[in-house]
Protein backbone atom coordinates (compact mmCIF):
# COMPACT_ATOMS: atom_id res chain seq x y z
CA MET A 1 18.12 -2.77 12.82
CA LEU A 2 19.06 -4.19 9.40
CA ASN A 3 21.29 -1.11 8.55
CA GLU A 4 23.12 -1.24 12.14
CA ASN A 5 23.45 -4.92 12.61
CA PHE A 6 23.55 -6.90 9.40
CA VAL A 7 25.13 -6.54 6.11
CA ASN A 8 21.63 -6.44 4.33
CA THR A 9 21.42 -7.80 0.84
CA CYS A 10 18.42 -9.73 -1.53
CA ILE A 11 19.93 -12.59 -3.78
CA LEU A 12 17.96 -14.27 -6.22
CA PHE A 13 17.74 -18.04 -6.02
CA ARG A 14 18.50 -18.38 -10.33
CA ASP A 15 21.88 -16.61 -9.45
CA LEU A 16 23.19 -18.88 -6.79
CA SER A 17 24.32 -21.32 -9.02
CA GLU A 18 26.46 -18.99 -11.42
CA LEU A 19 28.18 -17.45 -8.18
CA ILE A 20 29.18 -21.04 -6.88
CA ASP A 21 30.41 -21.97 -10.26
CA ASN A 22 32.50 -18.57 -10.62
CA TYR A 23 34.13 -18.76 -7.01
CA SER A 24 35.90 -21.03 -5.52
CA ASP A 25 34.98 -22.93 -2.45
CA GLU A 26 37.75 -21.10 -0.57
CA GLU A 27 36.58 -17.38 -1.77
CA CYS A 28 33.89 -16.08 0.40
CA VAL A 29 31.06 -15.33 -2.12
CA GLY A 30 31.17 -18.73 -3.45
CA ILE A 31 30.98 -20.01 0.12
CA PHE A 32 28.05 -17.81 1.31
CA ALA A 33 26.41 -18.48 -2.31
CA ARG A 34 26.39 -22.44 -1.39
CA THR A 35 25.14 -22.07 2.15
CA ILE A 36 22.35 -20.14 1.15
CA LYS A 37 21.40 -22.31 -1.67
CA GLU A 38 21.99 -25.62 0.40
CA ASN A 39 19.07 -23.88 2.92
CA TYR A 40 16.93 -22.31 0.47
CA VAL A 41 13.25 -23.86 0.58
CA GLY A 42 11.42 -21.35 -1.76
CA ALA A 43 9.57 -18.38 -2.10
CA VAL A 44 10.87 -15.75 0.29
CA ASP A 45 13.47 -16.90 2.38
CA ILE A 46 15.04 -15.02 5.36
CA GLN A 47 18.52 -16.16 5.97
CA VAL A 48 21.27 -14.78 8.30
CA LEU A 49 24.58 -16.11 8.37
CA SER A 50 27.24 -15.60 10.58
CA PRO A 51 30.67 -13.95 9.12
CA GLU A 52 32.21 -17.57 8.53
CA ALA A 53 29.09 -18.53 6.28
CA GLU A 54 27.63 -20.55 8.82
CA MET A 55 23.47 -20.42 8.90
CA ILE A 56 22.09 -18.86 12.22
CA VAL A 57 18.41 -18.17 11.01
CA HIS A 58 16.56 -19.83 8.46
CA GLN A 59 13.06 -18.64 8.11
CA PRO A 60 10.80 -18.46 5.14
CA GLU A 61 8.66 -15.53 5.15
CA ASN A 62 5.59 -17.17 4.77
CA LYS A 63 6.26 -19.15 8.17
CA LEU A 64 5.91 -15.60 9.87
CA GLY A 65 2.23 -15.94 9.30
CA ARG A 66 -0.56 -13.53 8.46
CA SER A 67 -1.18 -11.62 11.40
CA ARG A 68 -0.42 -8.27 13.00
CA ASP A 69 2.52 -9.86 14.68
CA ARG A 70 4.61 -10.62 11.60
CA ARG A 71 6.63 -7.16 12.44
CA GLU A 72 7.31 -8.14 16.02
CA LYS A 73 8.09 -11.68 14.73
CA TYR A 74 10.49 -10.66 12.21
CA LEU A 75 12.48 -8.00 14.53
CA THR A 76 12.68 -10.57 17.59
CA LEU A 77 14.13 -13.20 14.77
CA LEU A 78 16.54 -10.47 14.06
CA ALA A 79 17.45 -9.36 17.48
CA SER A 80 18.14 -13.05 18.25
CA ALA A 81 20.50 -13.47 15.37
CA ALA A 82 22.47 -10.66 16.36
CA LYS A 83 23.19 -12.17 19.47
CA GLY A 84 23.99 -15.61 17.39
CA GLU A 85 20.84 -16.83 18.77
CA ARG A 86 18.12 -19.59 17.00
CA VAL A 87 14.86 -19.01 17.92
CA ASN A 88 11.91 -21.44 17.49
CA LEU A 89 9.23 -19.78 15.62
CA THR A 90 6.43 -21.94 17.06
CA GLU A 91 7.43 -21.12 20.56
CA LEU A 92 7.90 -17.24 19.78
CA THR A 93 4.75 -17.53 17.88
CA GLU A 94 2.81 -18.55 21.08
CA ALA A 95 4.93 -16.03 23.35
CA LEU A 96 3.54 -13.38 21.36
CA ASP A 97 0.07 -14.31 21.01
CA LEU A 98 -0.34 -15.10 24.43
CA SER A 99 1.46 -12.55 26.31
CA SER A 100 -1.34 -10.96 27.31
CA GLY A 101 -4.20 -13.22 26.65
CA LYS A 102 -5.67 -16.51 28.09
CA GLN A 103 -4.76 -19.89 26.10
CA LEU A 104 -8.34 -21.87 25.95
CA MET A 105 -7.20 -24.87 24.20
CA GLU A 106 -4.77 -26.37 21.38
CA VAL A 107 -6.32 -28.63 18.77
CA LEU A 108 -4.83 -31.10 16.29
CA ASN A 109 -7.11 -32.70 13.99
CA VAL A 110 -7.57 -32.82 10.16
CA PHE A 111 -9.26 -31.73 7.69
CA ARG A 112 -10.73 -32.93 3.81
CA GLY A 113 -11.10 -31.63 0.56
CA PRO A 114 -14.89 -30.87 -0.30
CA GLY A 115 -15.17 -30.48 -3.88
CA ASN A 116 -15.36 -27.47 -5.82
CA GLY A 117 -18.68 -25.51 -4.34
CA TYR A 118 -18.83 -27.31 -1.46
CA GLN A 119 -17.86 -27.19 2.31
CA ASP A 120 -16.65 -30.05 4.68
CA TYR A 121 -16.21 -29.23 8.04
CA THR A 122 -14.21 -30.16 10.95
CA ALA A 123 -15.94 -28.35 13.74
CA VAL A 124 -14.33 -27.38 16.72
CA GLU A 125 -16.42 -25.73 19.85
CA ILE A 126 -14.79 -22.90 21.34
CA ASP A 127 -16.37 -21.79 24.91
CA ALA A 128 -15.87 -18.17 25.62
CA THR A 129 -18.49 -17.47 27.67
CA PRO A 130 -16.25 -16.91 30.85
CA PHE A 131 -15.10 -14.06 29.73
CA GLU A 132 -18.39 -11.84 30.28
CA GLN A 133 -17.10 -8.40 29.01
CA GLY A 134 -15.63 -9.94 25.97
CA GLY A 135 -12.29 -9.40 24.35
CA THR A 136 -10.66 -10.60 21.33
CA LEU A 137 -10.68 -13.99 20.35
CA ILE A 138 -7.32 -15.43 18.35
CA ILE A 139 -7.11 -18.45 16.48
CA ASP A 140 -3.37 -19.56 15.24
CA ILE A 141 -3.43 -22.02 12.86
CA GLN A 142 -0.83 -24.24 11.54
CA VAL A 143 -1.17 -26.46 8.72
CA GLY A 144 0.35 -30.16 8.21
CA GLU A 145 2.45 -30.98 5.21
CA GLY A 146 -0.35 -33.36 3.59
CA GLU A 147 -1.86 -32.46 0.08
CA ALA A 148 -4.82 -30.45 1.04
CA THR A 149 -5.07 -26.50 1.25
CA GLY A 150 -6.98 -25.33 4.28
CA SER A 151 -9.42 -22.82 4.57
CA PHE A 152 -11.11 -21.91 7.88
CA ASP A 153 -13.88 -20.39 8.83
CA LEU A 154 -15.23 -18.85 12.48
CA PHE A 155 -18.83 -19.05 13.30
CA ALA A 156 -21.22 -18.29 16.11
CA GLY A 157 -21.74 -21.03 18.54
CA ASP A 158 -25.42 -21.79 17.66
CA ALA A 159 -24.96 -21.43 13.65
CA GLU A 160 -25.25 -24.42 11.40
CA LEU A 161 -22.35 -25.20 9.37
CA PRO A 162 -23.31 -24.72 5.51
CA THR A 163 -22.37 -27.77 3.46
CA GLU A 164 -22.04 -25.78 0.08
CA GLY A 165 -21.50 -22.45 -1.35
CA PHE A 166 -19.71 -19.66 0.33
CA PRO A 167 -19.94 -19.21 4.37
CA ASP A 168 -21.79 -16.22 4.31
CA ASP A 169 -22.53 -16.19 7.92
CA ALA A 170 -19.01 -16.70 9.14
CA LEU A 171 -17.45 -14.03 11.77
CA ALA A 172 -14.07 -14.13 10.53
CA SER A 173 -11.63 -16.82 8.13
CA ALA A 174 -8.53 -17.43 6.97
CA TRP A 175 -8.51 -19.10 3.78
CA ASP A 176 -5.98 -20.77 1.20
CA VAL A 177 -3.56 -22.02 3.80
CA SER A 178 -0.92 -23.74 1.87
CA PRO A 179 0.52 -26.87 3.30
CA GLY A 180 3.47 -26.16 5.91
CA ASP A 181 2.00 -22.70 6.20
CA THR A 182 0.24 -20.71 9.10
CA GLY A 183 -2.97 -18.37 9.17
CA GLN A 184 -4.41 -16.54 11.99
CA ILE A 185 -7.89 -15.63 12.60
CA ARG A 186 -9.22 -12.65 15.28
CA HIS A 187 -12.56 -11.79 16.27
CA PRO A 188 -13.48 -8.94 18.33
CA PHE A 189 -16.37 -9.76 20.64
CA THR A 190 -18.55 -7.63 23.54
CA HIS A 191 -19.75 -10.67 25.84
CA GLY A 192 -19.27 -14.12 26.88
CA GLN A 193 -20.34 -16.51 24.42
CA ARG A 194 -19.74 -19.83 22.06
CA PHE A 195 -18.08 -19.80 19.14
CA LYS A 196 -17.46 -22.49 16.41
CA LEU A 197 -14.43 -23.09 14.12
CA GLY A 198 -15.05 -24.68 10.77
CA ALA A 199 -11.77 -26.35 9.03
CA THR A 200 -12.13 -27.69 5.57
CA GLY A 201 -10.05 -27.99 2.39
CA ASN A 202 -10.41 -25.16 -0.38
CA TRP A 203 -11.76 -25.74 -3.38
CA PHE A 204 -8.68 -25.98 -5.51
CA CYS A 205 -7.82 -29.04 -3.76
CA GLU A 206 -8.44 -32.65 -4.83
CA LYS A 207 -11.88 -33.73 -3.35
CA GLY A 208 -11.00 -36.48 -0.62
CA SER A 209 -7.37 -35.25 -0.13
CA THR A 210 -6.47 -34.39 3.28
CA ASN A 211 -4.19 -32.66 5.86
CA ALA A 212 -3.58 -31.81 9.42
CA PHE A 213 -4.17 -28.60 11.06
CA LEU A 214 -3.16 -27.06 14.79
CA ALA A 215 -4.94 -24.70 16.11
CA ARG A 216 -3.63 -22.52 19.16
CA ILE A 217 -7.01 -20.68 20.36
CA SER A 218 -6.73 -18.18 23.08
CA VAL A 219 -8.56 -14.88 24.40
CA VAL A 220 -7.07 -11.27 25.24
CA PRO A 221 -9.73 -9.64 27.89
CA ALA A 222 -11.51 -7.00 27.16
CA LYS A 223 -9.70 -5.56 30.19
CA ASN A 224 -6.20 -6.38 28.90
CA GLU A 225 -6.77 -4.39 26.06
CA GLU A 226 -7.82 -1.49 27.44
CA THR A 227 -4.74 -1.61 29.63
CA GLU A 228 -2.39 -1.74 26.93
CA ARG A 229 -4.09 1.20 24.75
CA SER A 230 -3.77 3.49 28.50
CA SER A 231 0.06 2.43 28.25
């Protein structure tokens, strides 16, 4: 798709200032370099510009999340950009993750830094008992722009959340989700049951520091997964 629809290139942020200085505001290279620099956020940025150097899509790579849907999200962004359309990644994420599943709940809450070696979980109860034949539990997590970096652990519903040490009894985890970043937990289960999501600051953030998180929780039923595999 890149080769067929775009002029695909990679440029280092440190080179942009030199390009801007060496080319006038009327020259193509200077115009593009200035637009890229003005929209740059950090790390690896995906930017799609029109032939007139107007920004169509600006998507920090780490905002694509860490799930198996990264490729689909990236391709959808490119396909929309090729049509000159802008995509809301939050809406795109929800559409992809819930396309064959059922949304259980959406939780907005806060977590805090526990101090090195400790845990201070904000607990979220998850009831997946209606899915008698099991399926895959999907938890899409978005961390706010506050101070603390988040770590998220999924436990069985009757588990007692630890207050210190590693969460050895966790069924699945998404650790070290930085402020403004996203993560995902996926956990297959064979019968209807309850779960408990624990949200806490990681061991490297300041004790007592806080941040918000948004968790979108859904289940892809086992029968839906079988249908997808057969097709």
